[in-house]
Every structure is written in structure tokens, then in C-alpha cells.
Amino acid sequence: MKIALIGMPTSGKSTISNEITRLTNYSHIDLDHMLENRFGTTLQEFINSYGENEFVDQENSLMLEIKYPEDCIISTGGSVIYATSAMERLKADGVHFVYLKTSISKLEKRLHNQRDMRGIIMRGCKNWSELLANRSVLYSKYADTVIETDGLSLSDISQKIIDLM
């Protein structure tokens, strides 16, 4: 089974993917790390130099190029839901999307002092709450499973995803 974790920056996609990889024989594909390797720079530096639209185009292209192994967990970037053609192709190819739904208060607490390092696509949104409202509609559109992460441990969330496998 191919599983992709989607959700806002700091929702735990990379951390949970790493934990699931540790507990299973699944391969781990981290799209943000792959993009940084491709760009030779941080995500935020790329966005600052080339803009949000170019970043999303590159994210879309990368997702379409990858040959995903059968048993893999894909850690996506928070903006992956803007890469429409790649999202639709992965959906058609049977990738199971898990939306890690996290409250604004938890996200803001985790984001503290990291915003400039994370490469966040704002798409005209003025603040974090507006961005969450904008994106949550798209995350829900693609999600096959929604896990509300508030109050759950890393182990709890990982086990819920492993139970899907």
C-alpha cells in the first residue's frame, strides 16, 4: 500500500513517516528533502528567489517523476495540495492520503521561530489561521482518512496509520 501524509507544516508528517518506517518495512519518501536536494538550497530560499508558483510547479513535476514503490510512506510538503495534476495522478494510482488534522493552536506552538526556515507557501493569505482555513478544504478533498492529531502521541498516530496497511 502507498500512503501519503498530507497536512499543514508542523502537523508531524516527517516525524510520523520516520516512525512508521522504523516500525515497518515500508520505504520512506520525503518530498521536501528531495526538493531541497534538487534545488541545492532550502525551500524558503528557493521560494524567495523564484516565487511560490515556480515552487509549486517544481513540486508537481517531482511528484510526477517519482516511481513510488508498492509499500511506501510519502511525507509531503504542506503545499502539496496545490500540485493538482500530481495529486490527481497519485489518487488515480491508488495512493491512500492521510490528512493529519491539527488545531491552529498546536500548529502555531510548533511553528514558533521556524517560519522562515520551513518554506511555507502562503498563497496570498495574511496569517496562519487564514492559511489553515484555505488549505483545510483542499486537504479534506484529497483525504481518504483524516486523523485528528490533537491529544494523540506519536505512537498513537503511527499505529492508526499502520492499522490501515
N, C-alpha and C. Protein backbone atom coordinates (compact mmCIF):
# COMPACT_ATOMS: atom_id res chain seq x y z
N MET A 1 0.84 -1.19 0.00
CA MET A 1 0.00 0.00 0.00
C MET A 1 0.88 1.24 0.00
N LYS A 2 0.49 2.21 -0.78
CA LYS A 2 1.17 3.50 -0.82
C LYS A 2 0.35 4.49 -0.01
N ILE A 3 1.00 5.12 0.98
CA ILE A 3 0.31 6.07 1.85
C ILE A 3 1.05 7.39 1.80
N ALA A 4 0.30 8.48 1.59
CA ALA A 4 0.88 9.82 1.61
C ALA A 4 0.26 10.61 2.76
N LEU A 5 1.12 11.22 3.56
CA LEU A 5 0.66 12.06 4.66
C LEU A 5 0.56 13.50 4.15
N ILE A 6 -0.60 14.11 4.37
CA ILE A 6 -0.81 15.50 4.00
C ILE A 6 -1.26 16.28 5.23
N GLY A 7 -1.01 17.56 5.21
CA GLY A 7 -1.41 18.41 6.32
C GLY A 7 -0.54 19.65 6.36
N MET A 8 -0.87 20.53 7.26
CA MET A 8 -0.17 21.79 7.41
C MET A 8 1.29 21.57 7.83
N PRO A 9 2.16 22.55 7.54
CA PRO A 9 3.51 22.49 8.08
C PRO A 9 3.43 22.36 9.61
N THR A 10 4.27 21.56 10.16
CA THR A 10 4.39 21.23 11.59
C THR A 10 3.29 20.28 12.08
N SER A 11 2.51 19.69 11.17
CA SER A 11 1.49 18.73 11.61
C SER A 11 2.08 17.37 11.97
N GLY A 12 3.35 17.15 11.62
CA GLY A 12 4.03 15.91 12.01
C GLY A 12 4.27 14.94 10.88
N LYS A 13 4.11 15.35 9.64
CA LYS A 13 4.24 14.43 8.51
C LYS A 13 5.58 13.71 8.47
N SER A 14 6.67 14.46 8.58
CA SER A 14 8.00 13.84 8.52
C SER A 14 8.28 12.99 9.74
N THR A 15 7.95 13.49 10.91
CA THR A 15 8.19 12.74 12.15
C THR A 15 7.43 11.42 12.14
N ILE A 16 6.18 11.47 11.76
CA ILE A 16 5.34 10.26 11.74
C ILE A 16 5.81 9.30 10.66
N SER A 17 6.18 9.82 9.49
CA SER A 17 6.71 8.96 8.42
C SER A 17 7.96 8.23 8.88
N ASN A 18 8.85 8.95 9.55
CA ASN A 18 10.07 8.32 10.06
C ASN A 18 9.74 7.22 11.06
N GLU A 19 8.78 7.47 11.92
CA GLU A 19 8.39 6.47 12.93
C GLU A 19 7.79 5.23 12.26
N ILE A 20 6.94 5.43 11.28
CA ILE A 20 6.32 4.30 10.58
C ILE A 20 7.38 3.49 9.84
N THR A 21 8.33 4.17 9.24
CA THR A 21 9.44 3.48 8.55
C THR A 21 10.23 2.65 9.55
N ARG A 22 10.45 3.19 10.73
CA ARG A 22 11.19 2.46 11.77
C ARG A 22 10.45 1.21 12.22
N LEU A 23 9.12 1.28 12.26
CA LEU A 23 8.31 0.18 12.78
C LEU A 23 7.89 -0.85 11.72
N THR A 24 8.04 -0.50 10.46
CA THR A 24 7.59 -1.39 9.38
C THR A 24 8.71 -1.58 8.37
N ASN A 25 8.41 -2.33 7.32
CA ASN A 25 9.38 -2.49 6.23
C ASN A 25 9.07 -1.55 5.07
N TYR A 26 8.28 -0.52 5.33
CA TYR A 26 7.91 0.44 4.30
C TYR A 26 9.08 1.36 3.96
N SER A 27 9.16 1.73 2.68
CA SER A 27 10.12 2.74 2.24
C SER A 27 9.58 4.12 2.61
N HIS A 28 10.48 5.06 2.81
CA HIS A 28 10.08 6.42 3.16
C HIS A 28 10.54 7.35 2.05
N ILE A 29 9.61 8.13 1.53
CA ILE A 29 9.91 9.15 0.53
C ILE A 29 9.55 10.50 1.14
N ASP A 30 10.55 11.37 1.29
CA ASP A 30 10.35 12.69 1.88
C ASP A 30 10.47 13.72 0.76
N LEU A 31 9.35 14.24 0.30
CA LEU A 31 9.33 15.14 -0.84
C LEU A 31 10.07 16.46 -0.56
N ASP A 32 9.94 17.01 0.63
CA ASP A 32 10.64 18.26 0.94
C ASP A 32 12.15 18.07 0.84
N HIS A 33 12.67 16.96 1.37
CA HIS A 33 14.11 16.71 1.30
C HIS A 33 14.54 16.51 -0.15
N MET A 34 13.72 15.83 -0.92
CA MET A 34 14.05 15.64 -2.34
C MET A 34 14.09 16.98 -3.08
N LEU A 35 13.15 17.86 -2.76
CA LEU A 35 13.15 19.19 -3.39
C LEU A 35 14.38 19.99 -2.99
N GLU A 36 14.75 19.96 -1.72
CA GLU A 36 15.95 20.67 -1.28
C GLU A 36 17.19 20.15 -1.99
N ASN A 37 17.27 18.84 -2.17
CA ASN A 37 18.41 18.26 -2.90
C ASN A 37 18.40 18.72 -4.35
N ARG A 38 17.23 18.77 -4.95
CA ARG A 38 17.11 19.21 -6.34
C ARG A 38 17.50 20.68 -6.48
N PHE A 39 17.04 21.50 -5.56
CA PHE A 39 17.29 22.94 -5.63
C PHE A 39 18.72 23.31 -5.19
N GLY A 40 19.30 22.50 -4.33
CA GLY A 40 20.60 22.83 -3.76
C GLY A 40 20.52 23.98 -2.77
N THR A 41 19.34 24.17 -2.21
CA THR A 41 19.11 25.27 -1.26
C THR A 41 17.91 24.91 -0.40
N THR A 42 17.62 25.73 0.58
CA THR A 42 16.43 25.48 1.40
C THR A 42 15.18 25.81 0.60
N LEU A 43 14.06 25.27 1.04
CA LEU A 43 12.79 25.56 0.37
C LEU A 43 12.49 27.04 0.41
N GLN A 44 12.71 27.68 1.56
CA GLN A 44 12.39 29.10 1.68
C GLN A 44 13.28 29.95 0.77
N GLU A 45 14.55 29.61 0.66
CA GLU A 45 15.44 30.35 -0.24
C GLU A 45 14.98 30.21 -1.69
N PHE A 46 14.53 29.01 -2.07
CA PHE A 46 14.02 28.81 -3.43
C PHE A 46 12.78 29.66 -3.66
N ILE A 47 11.86 29.65 -2.71
CA ILE A 47 10.63 30.45 -2.83
C ILE A 47 10.98 31.93 -2.93
N ASN A 48 11.90 32.39 -2.10
CA ASN A 48 12.30 33.80 -2.13
C ASN A 48 12.89 34.19 -3.48
N SER A 49 13.65 33.28 -4.09
CA SER A 49 14.31 33.58 -5.37
C SER A 49 13.40 33.43 -6.58
N TYR A 50 12.54 32.40 -6.57
CA TYR A 50 11.79 32.06 -7.78
C TYR A 50 10.27 32.21 -7.65
N GLY A 51 9.79 32.37 -6.44
CA GLY A 51 8.38 32.59 -6.22
C GLY A 51 7.59 31.32 -5.92
N GLU A 52 6.40 31.53 -5.39
CA GLU A 52 5.54 30.43 -4.97
C GLU A 52 5.07 29.58 -6.14
N ASN A 53 4.71 30.21 -7.26
CA ASN A 53 4.21 29.44 -8.40
C ASN A 53 5.27 28.49 -8.95
N GLU A 54 6.50 28.95 -9.05
CA GLU A 54 7.58 28.09 -9.54
C GLU A 54 7.84 26.94 -8.56
N PHE A 55 7.75 27.24 -7.28
CA PHE A 55 7.93 26.18 -6.28
C PHE A 55 6.86 25.09 -6.47
N VAL A 56 5.62 25.49 -6.60
CA VAL A 56 4.54 24.51 -6.77
C VAL A 56 4.72 23.74 -8.09
N ASP A 57 5.15 24.42 -9.14
CA ASP A 57 5.43 23.72 -10.41
C ASP A 57 6.51 22.67 -10.24
N GLN A 58 7.57 23.01 -9.50
CA GLN A 58 8.66 22.06 -9.25
C GLN A 58 8.19 20.89 -8.38
N GLU A 59 7.38 21.19 -7.39
CA GLU A 59 6.82 20.15 -6.51
C GLU A 59 5.96 19.20 -7.34
N ASN A 60 5.13 19.75 -8.21
CA ASN A 60 4.27 18.96 -9.08
C ASN A 60 5.11 18.06 -9.99
N SER A 61 6.13 18.64 -10.63
CA SER A 61 7.00 17.87 -11.54
C SER A 61 7.69 16.73 -10.81
N LEU A 62 8.24 17.01 -9.65
CA LEU A 62 8.93 15.97 -8.88
C LEU A 62 7.98 14.83 -8.54
N MET A 63 6.80 15.17 -8.08
CA MET A 63 5.83 14.13 -7.69
C MET A 63 5.46 13.25 -8.89
N LEU A 64 5.40 13.83 -10.07
CA LEU A 64 5.06 13.06 -11.27
C LEU A 64 6.23 12.20 -11.75
N GLU A 65 7.46 12.58 -11.45
CA GLU A 65 8.65 11.84 -11.88
C GLU A 65 8.93 10.61 -11.04
N ILE A 66 8.57 10.65 -9.78
CA ILE A 66 8.94 9.58 -8.84
C ILE A 66 8.22 8.29 -9.19
N LYS A 67 8.97 7.19 -9.10
CA LYS A 67 8.39 5.84 -9.20
C LYS A 67 8.22 5.36 -7.76
N TYR A 68 6.99 5.37 -7.29
CA TYR A 68 6.71 5.03 -5.90
C TYR A 68 6.68 3.52 -5.72
N PRO A 69 7.49 2.98 -4.79
CA PRO A 69 7.43 1.53 -4.54
C PRO A 69 6.09 1.15 -3.93
N GLU A 70 5.74 -0.11 -4.03
CA GLU A 70 4.42 -0.55 -3.57
C GLU A 70 4.19 -0.27 -2.09
N ASP A 71 5.13 -0.60 -1.26
CA ASP A 71 4.96 -0.37 0.19
C ASP A 71 5.80 0.84 0.58
N CYS A 72 5.16 2.02 0.56
CA CYS A 72 5.90 3.23 0.91
C CYS A 72 5.00 4.20 1.67
N ILE A 73 5.68 5.02 2.45
CA ILE A 73 5.02 6.13 3.14
C ILE A 73 5.65 7.40 2.58
N ILE A 74 4.81 8.30 2.12
CA ILE A 74 5.27 9.53 1.47
C ILE A 74 4.99 10.70 2.40
N SER A 75 6.07 11.38 2.75
CA SER A 75 5.95 12.59 3.56
C SER A 75 5.93 13.76 2.58
N THR A 76 4.80 14.43 2.50
CA THR A 76 4.65 15.53 1.54
C THR A 76 4.93 16.86 2.22
N GLY A 77 5.08 17.89 1.42
CA GLY A 77 5.14 19.25 1.95
C GLY A 77 3.72 19.74 2.16
N GLY A 78 3.57 20.74 3.00
CA GLY A 78 2.23 21.26 3.29
C GLY A 78 1.52 21.83 2.08
N SER A 79 2.29 22.29 1.08
CA SER A 79 1.68 22.90 -0.10
C SER A 79 1.37 21.91 -1.20
N VAL A 80 1.59 20.63 -0.95
CA VAL A 80 1.40 19.61 -1.99
C VAL A 80 0.01 19.65 -2.61
N ILE A 81 -0.98 20.09 -1.86
CA ILE A 81 -2.36 20.11 -2.36
C ILE A 81 -2.56 21.13 -3.47
N TYR A 82 -1.58 22.02 -3.68
CA TYR A 82 -1.64 22.95 -4.81
C TYR A 82 -1.09 22.33 -6.09
N ALA A 83 -0.40 21.20 -5.99
CA ALA A 83 0.16 20.49 -7.14
C ALA A 83 -0.93 19.56 -7.70
N THR A 84 -1.92 20.16 -8.30
CA THR A 84 -3.17 19.48 -8.66
C THR A 84 -2.97 18.26 -9.54
N SER A 85 -2.21 18.38 -10.62
CA SER A 85 -2.09 17.24 -11.53
C SER A 85 -1.40 16.06 -10.86
N ALA A 86 -0.39 16.33 -10.04
CA ALA A 86 0.28 15.24 -9.34
C ALA A 86 -0.64 14.61 -8.30
N MET A 87 -1.39 15.42 -7.58
CA MET A 87 -2.32 14.88 -6.59
C MET A 87 -3.36 13.99 -7.26
N GLU A 88 -3.89 14.44 -8.37
CA GLU A 88 -4.90 13.65 -9.09
C GLU A 88 -4.31 12.34 -9.62
N ARG A 89 -3.07 12.40 -10.14
CA ARG A 89 -2.46 11.17 -10.64
C ARG A 89 -2.19 10.18 -9.51
N LEU A 90 -1.67 10.66 -8.38
CA LEU A 90 -1.42 9.77 -7.26
C LEU A 90 -2.72 9.16 -6.75
N LYS A 91 -3.76 9.97 -6.69
CA LYS A 91 -5.07 9.47 -6.27
C LYS A 91 -5.54 8.36 -7.22
N ALA A 92 -5.41 8.60 -8.53
CA ALA A 92 -5.82 7.61 -9.53
C ALA A 92 -4.96 6.35 -9.46
N ASP A 93 -3.70 6.51 -9.03
CA ASP A 93 -2.79 5.36 -8.90
C ASP A 93 -3.00 4.60 -7.59
N GLY A 94 -3.98 5.01 -6.80
CA GLY A 94 -4.32 4.27 -5.59
C GLY A 94 -3.56 4.68 -4.35
N VAL A 95 -2.87 5.81 -4.37
CA VAL A 95 -2.21 6.28 -3.15
C VAL A 95 -3.30 6.66 -2.15
N HIS A 96 -3.13 6.21 -0.92
CA HIS A 96 -4.08 6.48 0.17
C HIS A 96 -3.58 7.72 0.91
N PHE A 97 -4.37 8.80 0.87
CA PHE A 97 -3.98 10.06 1.51
C PHE A 97 -4.53 10.13 2.92
N VAL A 98 -3.63 10.40 3.87
CA VAL A 98 -3.99 10.56 5.28
C VAL A 98 -3.74 12.02 5.66
N TYR A 99 -4.81 12.70 6.03
CA TYR A 99 -4.74 14.10 6.44
C TYR A 99 -4.51 14.15 7.94
N LEU A 100 -3.38 14.69 8.34
CA LEU A 100 -3.06 14.89 9.75
C LEU A 100 -3.63 16.25 10.16
N LYS A 101 -4.83 16.22 10.67
CA LYS A 101 -5.56 17.44 11.01
C LYS A 101 -5.17 17.88 12.41
N THR A 102 -4.59 19.07 12.48
CA THR A 102 -4.04 19.59 13.73
C THR A 102 -4.59 20.99 13.97
N SER A 103 -4.91 21.29 15.20
CA SER A 103 -5.51 22.59 15.53
C SER A 103 -4.52 23.73 15.31
N ILE A 104 -5.07 24.89 15.09
CA ILE A 104 -4.26 26.09 14.86
C ILE A 104 -3.37 26.38 16.06
N SER A 105 -3.84 26.15 17.27
CA SER A 105 -3.02 26.44 18.45
C SER A 105 -1.79 25.52 18.50
N LYS A 106 -1.97 24.26 18.17
CA LYS A 106 -0.84 23.32 18.15
C LYS A 106 0.14 23.68 17.04
N LEU A 107 -0.40 23.98 15.86
CA LEU A 107 0.46 24.34 14.73
C LEU A 107 1.30 25.58 15.04
N GLU A 108 0.66 26.60 15.60
CA GLU A 108 1.38 27.83 15.92
C GLU A 108 2.45 27.60 16.97
N LYS A 109 2.15 26.78 17.95
CA LYS A 109 3.13 26.48 19.00
C LYS A 109 4.36 25.80 18.40
N ARG A 110 4.14 24.86 17.48
CA ARG A 110 5.24 24.15 16.84
C ARG A 110 6.00 25.04 15.86
N LEU A 111 5.31 25.95 15.23
CA LEU A 111 5.91 26.80 14.21
C LEU A 111 6.78 27.90 14.80
N HIS A 112 6.59 28.20 16.06
CA HIS A 112 7.29 29.30 16.72
C HIS A 112 8.76 29.35 16.29
N ASN A 113 9.16 30.47 15.72
CA ASN A 113 10.55 30.74 15.29
C ASN A 113 11.04 29.85 14.15
N GLN A 114 10.16 29.16 13.44
CA GLN A 114 10.59 28.31 12.33
C GLN A 114 10.07 28.78 10.98
N ARG A 115 9.18 29.74 10.96
CA ARG A 115 8.50 30.12 9.71
C ARG A 115 9.47 30.39 8.57
N ASP A 116 10.56 31.13 8.82
CA ASP A 116 11.49 31.46 7.75
C ASP A 116 12.30 30.26 7.26
N MET A 117 12.39 29.21 8.06
CA MET A 117 13.17 28.04 7.68
C MET A 117 12.34 27.01 6.94
N ARG A 118 11.04 27.08 6.99
CA ARG A 118 10.20 25.98 6.53
C ARG A 118 9.75 26.07 5.08
N GLY A 119 9.79 27.20 4.47
CA GLY A 119 9.36 27.29 3.08
C GLY A 119 7.86 27.18 2.93
N ILE A 120 7.14 28.07 3.56
CA ILE A 120 5.68 28.00 3.57
C ILE A 120 5.09 28.82 2.44
N ILE A 121 4.28 28.18 1.63
CA ILE A 121 3.56 28.84 0.54
C ILE A 121 2.30 29.46 1.14
N MET A 122 2.20 30.78 1.10
CA MET A 122 1.08 31.47 1.74
C MET A 122 -0.10 31.72 0.80
N ARG A 123 0.14 31.73 -0.50
CA ARG A 123 -0.92 31.94 -1.50
C ARG A 123 -1.82 33.13 -1.17
N GLY A 124 -1.20 34.23 -0.77
CA GLY A 124 -1.94 35.46 -0.52
C GLY A 124 -2.58 35.54 0.87
N CYS A 125 -2.48 34.49 1.64
CA CYS A 125 -3.06 34.51 2.99
C CYS A 125 -2.19 35.40 3.88
N LYS A 126 -2.86 36.14 4.75
CA LYS A 126 -2.16 37.10 5.59
C LYS A 126 -1.64 36.51 6.90
N ASN A 127 -2.22 35.41 7.33
CA ASN A 127 -1.79 34.83 8.59
C ASN A 127 -2.03 33.32 8.58
N TRP A 128 -1.57 32.70 9.64
CA TRP A 128 -1.62 31.25 9.78
C TRP A 128 -3.07 30.73 9.79
N SER A 129 -3.96 31.42 10.49
CA SER A 129 -5.37 30.99 10.57
C SER A 129 -6.03 31.02 9.20
N GLU A 130 -5.77 32.07 8.45
CA GLU A 130 -6.33 32.19 7.10
C GLU A 130 -5.78 31.09 6.19
N LEU A 131 -4.49 30.79 6.34
CA LEU A 131 -3.88 29.73 5.54
C LEU A 131 -4.50 28.37 5.87
N LEU A 132 -4.69 28.09 7.15
CA LEU A 132 -5.31 26.83 7.55
C LEU A 132 -6.72 26.73 6.99
N ALA A 133 -7.49 27.79 7.07
CA ALA A 133 -8.85 27.77 6.53
C ALA A 133 -8.84 27.51 5.03
N ASN A 134 -7.92 28.12 4.32
CA ASN A 134 -7.79 27.95 2.88
C ASN A 134 -7.39 26.51 2.53
N ARG A 135 -6.41 26.00 3.22
CA ARG A 135 -5.88 24.67 2.88
C ARG A 135 -6.75 23.52 3.38
N SER A 136 -7.42 23.70 4.49
CA SER A 136 -8.17 22.57 5.07
C SER A 136 -9.21 22.02 4.10
N VAL A 137 -9.77 22.90 3.29
CA VAL A 137 -10.74 22.45 2.27
C VAL A 137 -10.06 21.51 1.28
N LEU A 138 -8.86 21.85 0.86
CA LEU A 138 -8.14 21.02 -0.10
C LEU A 138 -7.62 19.73 0.52
N TYR A 139 -7.12 19.81 1.76
CA TYR A 139 -6.69 18.58 2.43
C TYR A 139 -7.87 17.61 2.55
N SER A 140 -9.01 18.12 2.93
CA SER A 140 -10.20 17.27 3.08
C SER A 140 -10.65 16.69 1.75
N LYS A 141 -10.50 17.46 0.69
CA LYS A 141 -10.88 16.99 -0.66
C LYS A 141 -10.09 15.74 -1.04
N TYR A 142 -8.80 15.72 -0.76
CA TYR A 142 -7.95 14.60 -1.17
C TYR A 142 -7.89 13.47 -0.15
N ALA A 143 -8.25 13.74 1.09
CA ALA A 143 -8.05 12.76 2.17
C ALA A 143 -8.94 11.53 2.02
N ASP A 144 -8.31 10.38 2.17
CA ASP A 144 -9.05 9.12 2.29
C ASP A 144 -9.32 8.83 3.76
N THR A 145 -8.41 9.29 4.60
CA THR A 145 -8.51 9.13 6.05
C THR A 145 -8.11 10.44 6.70
N VAL A 146 -8.83 10.84 7.73
CA VAL A 146 -8.48 12.03 8.50
C VAL A 146 -8.17 11.59 9.92
N ILE A 147 -7.02 12.00 10.42
CA ILE A 147 -6.65 11.73 11.80
C ILE A 147 -6.52 13.07 12.52
N GLU A 148 -7.36 13.28 13.50
CA GLU A 148 -7.26 14.49 14.32
C GLU A 148 -6.17 14.23 15.35
N THR A 149 -5.07 14.96 15.21
CA THR A 149 -3.86 14.64 15.96
C THR A 149 -3.79 15.22 17.36
N ASP A 150 -4.57 16.25 17.64
CA ASP A 150 -4.51 16.86 18.97
C ASP A 150 -4.80 15.81 20.04
N GLY A 151 -3.95 15.77 21.05
CA GLY A 151 -4.15 14.84 22.16
C GLY A 151 -3.63 13.43 21.88
N LEU A 152 -3.12 13.17 20.68
CA LEU A 152 -2.58 11.85 20.36
C LEU A 152 -1.05 11.90 20.39
N SER A 153 -0.45 10.82 20.82
CA SER A 153 1.01 10.72 20.83
C SER A 153 1.50 10.29 19.45
N LEU A 154 2.79 10.40 19.24
CA LEU A 154 3.42 9.92 18.02
C LEU A 154 3.09 8.45 17.81
N SER A 155 3.17 7.69 18.87
CA SER A 155 2.87 6.26 18.80
C SER A 155 1.41 6.01 18.40
N ASP A 156 0.48 6.78 18.99
CA ASP A 156 -0.94 6.63 18.68
C ASP A 156 -1.22 6.91 17.20
N ILE A 157 -0.68 8.01 16.71
CA ILE A 157 -0.92 8.40 15.31
C ILE A 157 -0.29 7.37 14.38
N SER A 158 0.94 6.98 14.67
CA SER A 158 1.62 5.99 13.84
C SER A 158 0.84 4.69 13.79
N GLN A 159 0.32 4.26 14.92
CA GLN A 159 -0.41 2.99 14.95
C GLN A 159 -1.70 3.09 14.14
N LYS A 160 -2.39 4.22 14.18
CA LYS A 160 -3.59 4.40 13.37
C LYS A 160 -3.27 4.24 11.89
N ILE A 161 -2.13 4.75 11.48
CA ILE A 161 -1.73 4.64 10.07
C ILE A 161 -1.29 3.22 9.75
N ILE A 162 -0.55 2.60 10.64
CA ILE A 162 -0.12 1.21 10.43
C ILE A 162 -1.34 0.30 10.32
N ASP A 163 -2.38 0.58 11.08
CA ASP A 163 -3.61 -0.22 11.01
C ASP A 163 -4.27 -0.15 9.65
N LEU A 164 -3.98 0.88 8.87
CA LEU A 164 -4.53 0.99 7.52
C LEU A 164 -3.82 0.08 6.53
N MET A 165 -2.60 -0.30 6.85
CA MET A 165 -1.74 -1.02 5.90
C MET A 165 -2.23 -2.43 5.63
